Amino acid sequence: TKELDFVEVKDYLTQTNGEEKGVKSSGWRALKSVVQWWDTTIEIQIQVLRNYHRERERITKESHSEFKARREQLREIIATSKPLFRFYRDLLQWLFQTTASPESMAPPTFNNVRIELLD
């Protein structure tokens, strides 16, 4: 259908008589609607802009730092079990970070691999 059909509407924003009627235990507050449009289900959330920005900031900081920590942990697990992966990782780091600094470090080593930088 080309019309917007409301499947569900929930109020997680309204407070009645001092009670937070629809507020979730997490503190999340919004008006939420689920609609059907053509063959697609869409969830629409309307919340106070201040709450949205505060939530995005908190989620972004947490999820990004968790993501980075998990990524580094996985890379280390792989590097421990796959020496060639460790070599490539170290080589890329050496090429793009170390050679740009005035204090040159020796390149990483790996069996039967010789690294030469030519001008």
PDB file of N, CA and C in Angstrom:
ATOM      1  N   THR A   1       0.832  -1.190   0.000  1.00  0.00           N
ATOM      2  CA  THR A   1       0.000   0.000   0.000  1.00  0.00           C
ATOM      3  C   THR A   1       0.869   1.242   0.000  1.00  0.00           C
ATOM      4  N   LYS A   2       0.423   2.256  -0.681  1.00  0.00           N
ATOM      5  CA  LYS A   2       1.216   3.484  -0.706  1.00  0.00           C
ATOM      6  C   LYS A   2       0.889   4.402   0.463  1.00  0.00           C
ATOM      7  N   GLU A   3      -0.090   4.011   1.289  1.00  0.00           N
ATOM      8  CA  GLU A   3      -0.409   4.769   2.488  1.00  0.00           C
ATOM      9  C   GLU A   3       0.392   4.236   3.665  1.00  0.00           C
ATOM     10  N   LEU A   4       0.607   5.105   4.621  1.00  0.00           N
ATOM     11  CA  LEU A   4       1.323   4.744   5.839  1.00  0.00           C
ATOM     12  C   LEU A   4       0.320   4.120   6.806  1.00  0.00           C
ATOM     13  N   ASP A   5       0.499   2.827   7.135  1.00  0.00           N
ATOM     14  CA  ASP A   5      -0.391   2.138   8.064  1.00  0.00           C
ATOM     15  C   ASP A   5       0.303   1.986   9.404  1.00  0.00           C
ATOM     16  N   PHE A   6      -0.311   2.516  10.483  1.00  0.00           N
ATOM     17  CA  PHE A   6       0.256   2.396  11.815  1.00  0.00           C
ATOM     18  C   PHE A   6      -0.026   1.009  12.369  1.00  0.00           C
ATOM     19  N   VAL A   7       1.037   0.274  12.710  1.00  0.00           N
ATOM     20  CA  VAL A   7       0.928  -1.069  13.256  1.00  0.00           C
ATOM     21  C   VAL A   7       0.893  -1.007  14.777  1.00  0.00           C
ATOM     22  N   GLU A   8       1.698  -0.095  15.341  1.00  0.00           N
ATOM     23  CA  GLU A   8       1.825   0.007  16.793  1.00  0.00           C
ATOM     24  C   GLU A   8       2.225   1.432  17.163  1.00  0.00           C
ATOM     25  N   VAL A   9       1.656   1.942  18.258  1.00  0.00           N
ATOM     26  CA  VAL A   9       2.028   3.253  18.780  1.00  0.00           C
ATOM     27  C   VAL A   9       2.187   3.107  20.287  1.00  0.00           C
ATOM     28  N   LYS A  10       3.366   3.535  20.808  1.00  0.00           N
ATOM     29  CA  LYS A  10       3.610   3.452  22.252  1.00  0.00           C
ATOM     30  C   LYS A  10       4.154   4.785  22.750  1.00  0.00           C
ATOM     31  N   ASP A  11       3.721   5.151  23.945  1.00  0.00           N
ATOM     32  CA  ASP A  11       4.149   6.405  24.560  1.00  0.00           C
ATOM     33  C   ASP A  11       5.074   6.084  25.728  1.00  0.00           C
ATOM     34  N   TYR A  12       6.364   6.263  25.514  1.00  0.00           N
ATOM     35  CA  TYR A  12       7.359   6.068  26.568  1.00  0.00           C
ATOM     36  C   TYR A  12       7.858   7.424  27.075  1.00  0.00           C
ATOM     37  N   LEU A  13       7.034   8.469  26.876  1.00  0.00           N
ATOM     38  CA  LEU A  13       7.448   9.825  27.194  1.00  0.00           C
ATOM     39  C   LEU A  13       6.571  10.464  28.269  1.00  0.00           C
ATOM     40  N   THR A  14       5.289  10.149  28.247  1.00  0.00           N
ATOM     41  CA  THR A  14       4.315  10.820  29.102  1.00  0.00           C
ATOM     42  C   THR A  14       4.432  10.430  30.565  1.00  0.00           C
ATOM     43  N   GLN A  15       4.318  11.433  31.404  1.00  0.00           N
ATOM     44  CA  GLN A  15       4.256  11.222  32.852  1.00  0.00           C
ATOM     45  C   GLN A  15       2.839  11.595  33.299  1.00  0.00           C
ATOM     46  N   THR A  16       2.221  10.751  34.104  1.00  0.00           N
ATOM     47  CA  THR A  16       0.872  11.003  34.585  1.00  0.00           C
ATOM     48  C   THR A  16       0.874  11.022  36.109  1.00  0.00           C
ATOM     49  N   ASN A  17       0.364  12.098  36.699  1.00  0.00           N
ATOM     50  CA  ASN A  17       0.283  12.230  38.162  1.00  0.00           C
ATOM     51  C   ASN A  17       1.615  11.922  38.848  1.00  0.00           C
ATOM     52  N   GLY A  18       2.703  12.419  38.302  1.00  0.00           N
ATOM     53  CA  GLY A  18       4.007  12.194  38.911  1.00  0.00           C
ATOM     54  C   GLY A  18       4.595  10.821  38.617  1.00  0.00           C
ATOM     55  N   GLU A  19       3.791   9.932  38.010  1.00  0.00           N
ATOM     56  CA  GLU A  19       4.301   8.596  37.661  1.00  0.00           C
ATOM     57  C   GLU A  19       4.901   8.638  36.271  1.00  0.00           C
ATOM     58  N   GLU A  20       5.914   7.880  36.090  1.00  0.00           N
ATOM     59  CA  GLU A  20       6.495   7.761  34.762  1.00  0.00           C
ATOM     60  C   GLU A  20       5.872   6.538  34.119  1.00  0.00           C
ATOM     61  N   LYS A  21       4.654   6.738  33.626  1.00  0.00           N
ATOM     62  CA  LYS A  21       3.818   5.663  33.096  1.00  0.00           C
ATOM     63  C   LYS A  21       4.532   4.799  32.054  1.00  0.00           C
ATOM     64  N   GLY A  22       5.062   5.438  31.033  1.00  0.00           N
ATOM     65  CA  GLY A  22       5.610   4.650  29.939  1.00  0.00           C
ATOM     66  C   GLY A  22       7.116   4.568  29.911  1.00  0.00           C
ATOM     67  N   VAL A  23       7.773   5.238  30.833  1.00  0.00           N
ATOM     68  CA  VAL A  23       9.236   5.296  30.804  1.00  0.00           C
ATOM     69  C   VAL A  23       9.811   3.905  31.075  1.00  0.00           C
ATOM     70  N   LYS A  24      10.731   3.487  30.234  1.00  0.00           N
ATOM     71  CA  LYS A  24      11.353   2.171  30.403  1.00  0.00           C
ATOM     72  C   LYS A  24      12.309   2.183  31.591  1.00  0.00           C
ATOM     73  N   SER A  25      12.622   1.015  32.124  1.00  0.00           N
ATOM     74  CA  SER A  25      13.514   0.909  33.281  1.00  0.00           C
ATOM     75  C   SER A  25      14.909   1.452  32.980  1.00  0.00           C
ATOM     76  N   SER A  26      15.295   1.449  31.706  1.00  0.00           N
ATOM     77  CA  SER A  26      16.603   1.982  31.317  1.00  0.00           C
ATOM     78  C   SER A  26      16.623   3.505  31.346  1.00  0.00           C
ATOM     79  N   GLY A  27      15.410   4.118  31.461  1.00  0.00           N
ATOM     80  CA  GLY A  27      15.335   5.570  31.441  1.00  0.00           C
ATOM     81  C   GLY A  27      15.065   6.118  30.052  1.00  0.00           C
ATOM     82  N   TRP A  28      15.054   5.244  29.055  1.00  0.00           N
ATOM     83  CA  TRP A  28      14.795   5.662  27.680  1.00  0.00           C
ATOM     84  C   TRP A  28      13.392   6.216  27.586  1.00  0.00           C
ATOM     85  N   ARG A  29      13.244   7.385  26.950  1.00  0.00           N
ATOM     86  CA  ARG A  29      11.936   8.022  26.830  1.00  0.00           C
ATOM     87  C   ARG A  29      11.724   8.504  25.407  1.00  0.00           C
ATOM     88  N   ALA A  30      10.576   8.164  24.839  1.00  0.00           N
ATOM     89  CA  ALA A  30      10.251   8.605  23.484  1.00  0.00           C
ATOM     90  C   ALA A  30       8.832   8.203  23.145  1.00  0.00           C
ATOM     91  N   LEU A  31       8.338   8.746  22.051  1.00  0.00           N
ATOM     92  CA  LEU A  31       7.124   8.241  21.432  1.00  0.00           C
ATOM     93  C   LEU A  31       7.589   7.305  20.330  1.00  0.00           C
ATOM     94  N   LYS A  32       7.026   6.132  20.271  1.00  0.00           N
ATOM     95  CA  LYS A  32       7.486   5.153  19.287  1.00  0.00           C
ATOM     96  C   LYS A  32       6.296   4.662  18.475  1.00  0.00           C
ATOM     97  N   SER A  33       6.460   4.641  17.169  1.00  0.00           N
ATOM     98  CA  SER A  33       5.436   4.104  16.284  1.00  0.00           C
ATOM     99  C   SER A  33       6.088   3.136  15.325  1.00  0.00           C
ATOM    100  N   VAL A  34       5.372   2.076  15.027  1.00  0.00           N
ATOM    101  CA  VAL A  34       5.802   1.138  13.998  1.00  0.00           C
ATOM    102  C   VAL A  34       4.779   1.257  12.881  1.00  0.00           C
ATOM    103  N   VAL A  35       5.268   1.508  11.672  1.00  0.00           N
ATOM    104  CA  VAL A  35       4.376   1.693  10.535  1.00  0.00           C
ATOM    105  C   VAL A  35       4.740   0.734   9.412  1.00  0.00           C
ATOM    106  N   GLN A  36       3.767   0.471   8.568  1.00  0.00           N
ATOM    107  CA  GLN A  36       3.979  -0.343   7.365  1.00  0.00           C
ATOM    108  C   GLN A  36       3.784   0.593   6.176  1.00  0.00           C
ATOM    109  N   TRP A  37       4.755   0.617   5.293  1.00  0.00           N
ATOM    110  CA  TRP A  37       4.651   1.456   4.102  1.00  0.00           C
ATOM    111  C   TRP A  37       5.153   0.632   2.936  1.00  0.00           C
ATOM    112  N   TRP A  38       4.313   0.442   1.946  1.00  0.00           N
ATOM    113  CA  TRP A  38       4.556  -0.495   0.866  1.00  0.00           C
ATOM    114  C   TRP A  38       4.853  -1.853   1.499  1.00  0.00           C
ATOM    115  N   ASP A  39       6.003  -2.441   1.243  1.00  0.00           N
ATOM    116  CA  ASP A  39       6.341  -3.749   1.832  1.00  0.00           C
ATOM    117  C   ASP A  39       7.378  -3.617   2.938  1.00  0.00           C
ATOM    118  N   THR A  40       7.500  -2.435   3.503  1.00  0.00           N
ATOM    119  CA  THR A  40       8.559  -2.173   4.476  1.00  0.00           C
ATOM    120  C   THR A  40       7.975  -1.787   5.835  1.00  0.00           C
ATOM    121  N   THR A  41       8.534  -2.353   6.888  1.00  0.00           N
ATOM    122  CA  THR A  41       8.172  -1.972   8.245  1.00  0.00           C
ATOM    123  C   THR A  41       9.195  -0.955   8.729  1.00  0.00           C
ATOM    124  N   ILE A  42       8.703   0.148   9.279  1.00  0.00           N
ATOM    125  CA  ILE A  42       9.571   1.238   9.718  1.00  0.00           C
ATOM    126  C   ILE A  42       9.232   1.585  11.162  1.00  0.00           C
ATOM    127  N   GLU A  43      10.259   1.767  11.986  1.00  0.00           N
ATOM    128  CA  GLU A  43      10.059   2.218  13.363  1.00  0.00           C
ATOM    129  C   GLU A  43      10.417   3.697  13.431  1.00  0.00           C
ATOM    130  N   ILE A  44       9.513   4.485  13.974  1.00  0.00           N
ATOM    131  CA  ILE A  44       9.724   5.925  14.115  1.00  0.00           C
ATOM    132  C   ILE A  44       9.789   6.241  15.605  1.00  0.00           C
ATOM    133  N   GLN A  45      10.842   6.935  16.010  1.00  0.00           N
ATOM    134  CA  GLN A  45      10.984   7.333  17.416  1.00  0.00           C
ATOM    135  C   GLN A  45      11.077   8.851  17.479  1.00  0.00           C
ATOM    136  N   ILE A  46      10.302   9.423  18.377  1.00  0.00           N
ATOM    137  CA  ILE A  46      10.345  10.867  18.599  1.00  0.00           C
ATOM    138  C   ILE A  46      10.696  11.080  20.062  1.00  0.00           C
ATOM    139  N   GLN A  47      11.805  11.792  20.287  1.00  0.00           N
ATOM    140  CA  GLN A  47      12.213  12.043  21.660  1.00  0.00           C
ATOM    141  C   GLN A  47      12.720  13.475  21.787  1.00  0.00           C
ATOM    142  N   VAL A  48      12.809  13.938  22.999  1.00  0.00           N
ATOM    143  CA  VAL A  48      13.307  15.283  23.272  1.00  0.00           C
ATOM    144  C   VAL A  48      14.744  15.365  22.756  1.00  0.00           C
ATOM    145  N   LEU A  49      15.047  16.436  22.045  1.00  0.00           N
ATOM    146  CA  LEU A  49      16.360  16.571  21.410  1.00  0.00           C
ATOM    147  C   LEU A  49      17.498  16.494  22.415  1.00  0.00           C
ATOM    148  N   ARG A  50      17.336  17.094  23.576  1.00  0.00           N
ATOM    149  CA  ARG A  50      18.371  17.046  24.615  1.00  0.00           C
ATOM    150  C   ARG A  50      18.657  15.599  25.021  1.00  0.00           C
ATOM    151  N   ASN A  51      17.607  14.797  25.191  1.00  0.00           N
ATOM    152  CA  ASN A  51      17.786  13.387  25.549  1.00  0.00           C
ATOM    153  C   ASN A  51      18.465  12.617  24.426  1.00  0.00           C
ATOM    154  N   TYR A  52      18.081  12.934  23.192  1.00  0.00           N
ATOM    155  CA  TYR A  52      18.691  12.268  22.040  1.00  0.00           C
ATOM    156  C   TYR A  52      20.198  12.508  22.011  1.00  0.00           C
ATOM    157  N   HIS A  53      20.598  13.777  22.155  1.00  0.00           N
ATOM    158  CA  HIS A  53      22.038  14.094  22.108  1.00  0.00           C
ATOM    159  C   HIS A  53      22.798  13.439  23.256  1.00  0.00           C
ATOM    160  N   ARG A  54      22.217  13.449  24.452  1.00  0.00           N
ATOM    161  CA  ARG A  54      22.862  12.827  25.600  1.00  0.00           C
ATOM    162  C   ARG A  54      23.014  11.319  25.374  1.00  0.00           C
ATOM    163  N   GLU A  55      21.971  10.682  24.852  1.00  0.00           N
ATOM    164  CA  GLU A  55      22.008   9.236  24.583  1.00  0.00           C
ATOM    165  C   GLU A  55      23.034   8.899  23.510  1.00  0.00           C
ATOM    166  N   ARG A  56      23.064   9.657  22.423  1.00  0.00           N
ATOM    167  CA  ARG A  56      24.016   9.410  21.333  1.00  0.00           C
ATOM    168  C   ARG A  56      25.450   9.563  21.824  1.00  0.00           C
ATOM    169  N   GLU A  57      25.690  10.583  22.633  1.00  0.00           N
ATOM    170  CA  GLU A  57      27.043  10.807  23.149  1.00  0.00           C
ATOM    171  C   GLU A  57      27.488   9.633  24.019  1.00  0.00           C
ATOM    172  N   ARG A  58      26.609   9.189  24.909  1.00  0.00           N
ATOM    173  CA  ARG A  58      26.947   8.076  25.797  1.00  0.00           C
ATOM    174  C   ARG A  58      27.161   6.786  25.003  1.00  0.00           C
ATOM    175  N   ILE A  59      26.256   6.488  24.096  1.00  0.00           N
ATOM    176  CA  ILE A  59      26.345   5.254  23.311  1.00  0.00           C
ATOM    177  C   ILE A  59      27.585   5.269  22.421  1.00  0.00           C
ATOM    178  N   THR A  60      27.844   6.400  21.783  1.00  0.00           N
ATOM    179  CA  THR A  60      28.990   6.494  20.877  1.00  0.00           C
ATOM    180  C   THR A  60      30.295   6.275  21.622  1.00  0.00           C
ATOM    181  N   LYS A  61      30.453   6.918  22.779  1.00  0.00           N
ATOM    182  CA  LYS A  61      31.688   6.758  23.555  1.00  0.00           C
ATOM    183  C   LYS A  61      31.864   5.309  23.991  1.00  0.00           C
ATOM    184  N   GLU A  62      30.799   4.722  24.540  1.00  0.00           N
ATOM    185  CA  GLU A  62      30.893   3.349  25.040  1.00  0.00           C
ATOM    186  C   GLU A  62      31.138   2.364  23.904  1.00  0.00           C
ATOM    187  N   SER A  63      30.324   2.462  22.868  1.00  0.00           N
ATOM    188  CA  SER A  63      30.431   1.464  21.817  1.00  0.00           C
ATOM    189  C   SER A  63      31.746   1.599  21.058  1.00  0.00           C
ATOM    190  N   HIS A  64      32.233   2.826  20.879  1.00  0.00           N
ATOM    191  CA  HIS A  64      33.483   2.992  20.146  1.00  0.00           C
ATOM    192  C   HIS A  64      34.660   2.452  20.949  1.00  0.00           C
ATOM    193  N   SER A  65      34.710   2.761  22.235  1.00  0.00           N
ATOM    194  CA  SER A  65      35.831   2.261  23.036  1.00  0.00           C
ATOM    195  C   SER A  65      35.756   0.741  23.184  1.00  0.00           C
ATOM    196  N   GLU A  66      34.543   0.197  23.335  1.00  0.00           N
ATOM    197  CA  GLU A  66      34.385  -1.262  23.406  1.00  0.00           C
ATOM    198  C   GLU A  66      34.793  -1.906  22.082  1.00  0.00           C
ATOM    199  N   PHE A  67      34.383  -1.282  20.985  1.00  0.00           N
ATOM    200  CA  PHE A  67      34.734  -1.799  19.662  1.00  0.00           C
ATOM    201  C   PHE A  67      36.248  -1.815  19.469  1.00  0.00           C
ATOM    202  N   LYS A  68      36.908  -0.705  19.807  1.00  0.00           N
ATOM    203  CA  LYS A  68      38.357  -0.631  19.649  1.00  0.00           C
ATOM    204  C   LYS A  68      39.067  -1.671  20.509  1.00  0.00           C
ATOM    205  N   ALA A  69      38.627  -1.834  21.747  1.00  0.00           N
ATOM    206  CA  ALA A  69      39.257  -2.811  22.643  1.00  0.00           C
ATOM    207  C   ALA A  69      39.068  -4.221  22.103  1.00  0.00           C
ATOM    208  N   ARG A  70      37.880  -4.538  21.655  1.00  0.00           N
ATOM    209  CA  ARG A  70      37.598  -5.883  21.106  1.00  0.00           C
ATOM    210  C   ARG A  70      38.397  -6.120  19.830  1.00  0.00           C
ATOM    211  N   ARG A  71      38.485  -5.105  18.979  1.00  0.00           N
ATOM    212  CA  ARG A  71      39.245  -5.228  17.733  1.00  0.00           C
ATOM    213  C   ARG A  71      40.713  -5.516  18.030  1.00  0.00           C
ATOM    214  N   GLU A  72      41.301  -4.769  18.977  1.00  0.00           N
ATOM    215  CA  GLU A  72      42.706  -4.987  19.318  1.00  0.00           C
ATOM    216  C   GLU A  72      42.917  -6.366  19.942  1.00  0.00           C
ATOM    217  N   GLN A  73      41.981  -6.799  20.751  1.00  0.00           N
ATOM    218  CA  GLN A  73      42.066  -8.125  21.367  1.00  0.00           C
ATOM    219  C   GLN A  73      42.046  -9.211  20.286  1.00  0.00           C
ATOM    220  N   LEU A  74      41.150  -9.084  19.324  1.00  0.00           N
ATOM    221  CA  LEU A  74      41.077 -10.064  18.233  1.00  0.00           C
ATOM    222  C   LEU A  74      42.340 -10.044  17.374  1.00  0.00           C
ATOM    223  N   ARG A  75      42.833  -8.854  17.098  1.00  0.00           N
ATOM    224  CA  ARG A  75      44.074  -8.752  16.312  1.00  0.00           C
ATOM    225  C   ARG A  75      45.227  -9.443  17.024  1.00  0.00           C
ATOM    226  N   GLU A  76      45.300  -9.290  18.325  1.00  0.00           N
ATOM    227  CA  GLU A  76      46.388  -9.918  19.088  1.00  0.00           C
ATOM    228  C   GLU A  76      46.240 -11.439  19.104  1.00  0.00           C
ATOM    229  N   ILE A  77      45.017 -11.918  19.220  1.00  0.00           N
ATOM    230  CA  ILE A  77      44.770 -13.366  19.184  1.00  0.00           C
ATOM    231  C   ILE A  77      45.219 -13.935  17.836  1.00  0.00           C
ATOM    232  N   ILE A  78      44.851 -13.245  16.755  1.00  0.00           N
ATOM    233  CA  ILE A  78      45.238 -13.700  15.415  1.00  0.00           C
ATOM    234  C   ILE A  78      46.751 -13.628  15.249  1.00  0.00           C
ATOM    235  N   ALA A  79      47.347 -12.527  15.699  1.00  0.00           N
ATOM    236  CA  ALA A  79      48.798 -12.356  15.562  1.00  0.00           C
ATOM    237  C   ALA A  79      49.563 -13.428  16.318  1.00  0.00           C
ATOM    238  N   THR A  80      49.031 -13.875  17.431  1.00  0.00           N
ATOM    239  CA  THR A  80      49.695 -14.915  18.217  1.00  0.00           C
ATOM    240  C   THR A  80      49.662 -16.251  17.480  1.00  0.00           C
ATOM    241  N   SER A  81      48.548 -16.526  16.831  1.00  0.00           N
ATOM    242  CA  SER A  81      48.419 -17.820  16.152  1.00  0.00           C
ATOM    243  C   SER A  81      48.905 -17.792  14.704  1.00  0.00           C
ATOM    244  N   LYS A  82      49.017 -16.613  14.122  1.00  0.00           N
ATOM    245  CA  LYS A  82      49.433 -16.479  12.721  1.00  0.00           C
ATOM    246  C   LYS A  82      50.600 -15.501  12.624  1.00  0.00           C
ATOM    247  N   PRO A  83      51.819 -15.993  12.705  1.00  0.00           N
ATOM    248  CA  PRO A  83      52.989 -15.106  12.684  1.00  0.00           C
ATOM    249  C   PRO A  83      53.071 -14.223  11.431  1.00  0.00           C
ATOM    250  N   LEU A  84      52.595 -14.730  10.304  1.00  0.00           N
ATOM    251  CA  LEU A  84      52.635 -13.918   9.088  1.00  0.00           C
ATOM    252  C   LEU A  84      51.713 -12.701   9.216  1.00  0.00           C
ATOM    253  N   PHE A  85      50.577 -12.864   9.843  1.00  0.00           N
ATOM    254  CA  PHE A  85      49.679 -11.733  10.107  1.00  0.00           C
ATOM    255  C   PHE A  85      50.396 -10.701  10.975  1.00  0.00           C
ATOM    256  N   ARG A  86      51.059 -11.170  12.027  1.00  0.00           N
ATOM    257  CA  ARG A  86      51.792 -10.252  12.908  1.00  0.00           C
ATOM    258  C   ARG A  86      52.854  -9.494  12.111  1.00  0.00           C
ATOM    259  N   PHE A  87      53.558 -10.212  11.244  1.00  0.00           N
ATOM    260  CA  PHE A  87      54.580  -9.569  10.432  1.00  0.00           C
ATOM    261  C   PHE A  87      53.983  -8.480   9.545  1.00  0.00           C
ATOM    262  N   TYR A  88      52.888  -8.782   8.838  1.00  0.00           N
ATOM    263  CA  TYR A  88      52.246  -7.780   7.976  1.00  0.00           C
ATOM    264  C   TYR A  88      51.759  -6.577   8.782  1.00  0.00           C
ATOM    265  N   ARG A  89      51.162  -6.838   9.927  1.00  0.00           N
ATOM    266  CA  ARG A  89      50.689  -5.753  10.786  1.00  0.00           C
ATOM    267  C   ARG A  89      51.867  -4.880  11.220  1.00  0.00           C
ATOM    268  N   ASP A  90      52.938  -5.519  11.680  1.00  0.00           N
ATOM    269  CA  ASP A  90      54.120  -4.771  12.125  1.00  0.00           C
ATOM    270  C   ASP A  90      54.778  -4.030  10.964  1.00  0.00           C
ATOM    271  N   LEU A  91      54.802  -4.649   9.787  1.00  0.00           N
ATOM    272  CA  LEU A  91      55.388  -4.021   8.606  1.00  0.00           C
ATOM    273  C   LEU A  91      54.611  -2.762   8.220  1.00  0.00           C
ATOM    274  N   LEU A  92      53.291  -2.856   8.195  1.00  0.00           N
ATOM    275  CA  LEU A  92      52.477  -1.685   7.860  1.00  0.00           C
ATOM    276  C   LEU A  92      52.667  -0.567   8.884  1.00  0.00           C
ATOM    277  N   GLN A  93      52.720  -0.949  10.142  1.00  0.00           N
ATOM    278  CA  GLN A  93      52.945   0.051  11.178  1.00  0.00           C
ATOM    279  C   GLN A  93      54.316   0.701  10.990  1.00  0.00           C
ATOM    280  N   TRP A  94      55.308  -0.108  10.698  1.00  0.00           N
ATOM    281  CA  TRP A  94      56.654   0.412  10.495  1.00  0.00           C
ATOM    282  C   TRP A  94      56.697   1.341   9.276  1.00  0.00           C
ATOM    283  N   LEU A  95      56.065   0.937   8.190  1.00  0.00           N
ATOM    284  CA  LEU A  95      56.093   1.737   6.963  1.00  0.00           C
ATOM    285  C   LEU A  95      55.387   3.081   7.124  1.00  0.00           C
ATOM    286  N   PHE A  96      54.233   3.073   7.769  1.00  0.00           N
ATOM    287  CA  PHE A  96      53.426   4.295   7.800  1.00  0.00           C
ATOM    288  C   PHE A  96      53.574   5.126   9.062  1.00  0.00           C
ATOM    289  N   GLN A  97      54.092   4.563  10.113  1.00  0.00           N
ATOM    290  CA  GLN A  97      54.252   5.348  11.337  1.00  0.00           C
ATOM    291  C   GLN A  97      55.714   5.593  11.666  1.00  0.00           C
ATOM    292  N   THR A  98      56.516   4.562  11.643  1.00  0.00           N
ATOM    293  CA  THR A  98      57.903   4.682  12.068  1.00  0.00           C
ATOM    294  C   THR A  98      58.751   5.449  11.073  1.00  0.00           C
ATOM    295  N   THR A  99      58.611   5.163   9.787  1.00  0.00           N
ATOM    296  CA  THR A  99      59.469   5.827   8.803  1.00  0.00           C
ATOM    297  C   THR A  99      59.167   7.311   8.688  1.00  0.00           C
ATOM    298  N   ALA A 100      57.981   7.738   9.142  1.00  0.00           N
ATOM    299  CA  ALA A 100      57.640   9.162   9.101  1.00  0.00           C
ATOM    300  C   ALA A 100      58.293   9.936  10.244  1.00  0.00           C
ATOM    301  N   SER A 101      58.743   9.235  11.262  1.00  0.00           N
ATOM    302  CA  SER A 101      59.364   9.919  12.396  1.00  0.00           C
ATOM    303  C   SER A 101      60.869  10.046  12.165  1.00  0.00           C
ATOM    304  N   PRO A 102      61.490  11.039  12.792  1.00  0.00           N
ATOM    305  CA  PRO A 102      62.929  11.237  12.600  1.00  0.00           C
ATOM    306  C   PRO A 102      63.768  10.113  13.203  1.00  0.00           C
ATOM    307  N   GLU A 103      63.233   9.408  14.181  1.00  0.00           N
ATOM    308  CA  GLU A 103      63.967   8.312  14.814  1.00  0.00           C
ATOM    309  C   GLU A 103      63.603   7.005  14.103  1.00  0.00           C
ATOM    310  N   SER A 104      64.447   6.578  13.198  1.00  0.00           N
ATOM    311  CA  SER A 104      64.153   5.361  12.444  1.00  0.00           C
ATOM    312  C   SER A 104      64.391   4.121  13.288  1.00  0.00           C
ATOM    313  N   MET A 105      63.468   3.196  13.160  1.00  0.00           N
ATOM    314  CA  MET A 105      63.603   1.909  13.827  1.00  0.00           C
ATOM    315  C   MET A 105      63.856   0.864  12.747  1.00  0.00           C
ATOM    316  N   ALA A 106      64.376  -0.260  13.158  1.00  0.00           N
ATOM    317  CA  ALA A 106      64.617  -1.341  12.210  1.00  0.00           C
ATOM    318  C   ALA A 106      63.278  -1.936  11.774  1.00  0.00           C
ATOM    319  N   PRO A 107      63.183  -2.385  10.538  1.00  0.00           N
ATOM    320  CA  PRO A 107      61.935  -2.988  10.065  1.00  0.00           C
ATOM    321  C   PRO A 107      61.700  -4.330  10.751  1.00  0.00           C
ATOM    322  N   PRO A 108      60.457  -4.791  10.772  1.00  0.00           N
ATOM    323  CA  PRO A 108      60.178  -6.104  11.350  1.00  0.00           C
ATOM    324  C   PRO A 108      60.829  -7.196  10.499  1.00  0.00           C
ATOM    325  N   THR A 109      61.022  -8.344  11.089  1.00  0.00           N
ATOM    326  CA  THR A 109      61.656  -9.444  10.361  1.00  0.00           C
ATOM    327  C   THR A 109      60.721 -10.641  10.289  1.00  0.00           C
ATOM    328  N   PHE A 110      60.972 -11.463   9.242  1.00  0.00           N
ATOM    329  CA  PHE A 110      60.224 -12.700   9.066  1.00  0.00           C
ATOM    330  C   PHE A 110      61.118 -13.623   8.242  1.00  0.00           C
ATOM    331  N   ASN A 111      60.999 -14.927   8.488  1.00  0.00           N
ATOM    332  CA  ASN A 111      61.842 -15.899   7.775  1.00  0.00           C
ATOM    333  C   ASN A 111      61.785 -15.714   6.256  1.00  0.00           C
ATOM    334  N   ASN A 112      62.971 -15.666   5.642  1.00  0.00           N
ATOM    335  CA  ASN A 112      63.108 -15.592   4.187  1.00  0.00           C
ATOM    336  C   ASN A 112      62.503 -14.340   3.558  1.00  0.00           C
ATOM    337  N   VAL A 113      62.339 -13.289   4.339  1.00  0.00           N
ATOM    338  CA  VAL A 113      61.831 -12.011   3.808  1.00  0.00           C
ATOM    339  C   VAL A 113      62.878 -10.936   4.067  1.00  0.00           C
ATOM    340  N   ARG A 114      63.222 -10.221   3.012  1.00  0.00           N
ATOM    341  CA  ARG A 114      64.181  -9.131   3.127  1.00  0.00           C
ATOM    342  C   ARG A 114      63.501  -7.840   2.693  1.00  0.00           C
ATOM    343  N   ILE A 115      63.606  -6.809   3.515  1.00  0.00           N
ATOM    344  CA  ILE A 115      62.945  -5.538   3.229  1.00  0.00           C
ATOM    345  C   ILE A 115      64.011  -4.531   2.831  1.00  0.00           C
ATOM    346  N   GLU A 116      63.794  -3.915   1.665  1.00  0.00           N
ATOM    347  CA  GLU A 116      64.690  -2.848   1.188  1.00  0.00           C
ATOM    348  C   GLU A 116      63.835  -1.674   0.776  1.00  0.00           C
ATOM    349  N   LEU A 117      64.209  -0.485   1.239  1.00  0.00           N
ATOM    350  CA  LEU A 117      63.551   0.723   0.784  1.00  0.00           C
ATOM    351  C   LEU A 117      64.498   1.418  -0.183  1.00  0.00           C
ATOM    352  N   LEU A 118      64.001   1.673  -1.378  1.00  0.00           N
ATOM    353  CA  LEU A 118      64.820   2.284  -2.418  1.00  0.00           C
ATOM    354  C   LEU A 118      64.233   3.645  -2.795  1.00  0.00           C
ATOM    355  N   ASP A 119      65.098   4.589  -3.072  1.00  0.00           N
ATOM    356  CA  ASP A 119      64.634   5.910  -3.545  1.00  0.00           C
ATOM    357  C   ASP A 119      64.408   5.880  -5.018  1.00  0.00           C
TER     358      ASP A 119
END
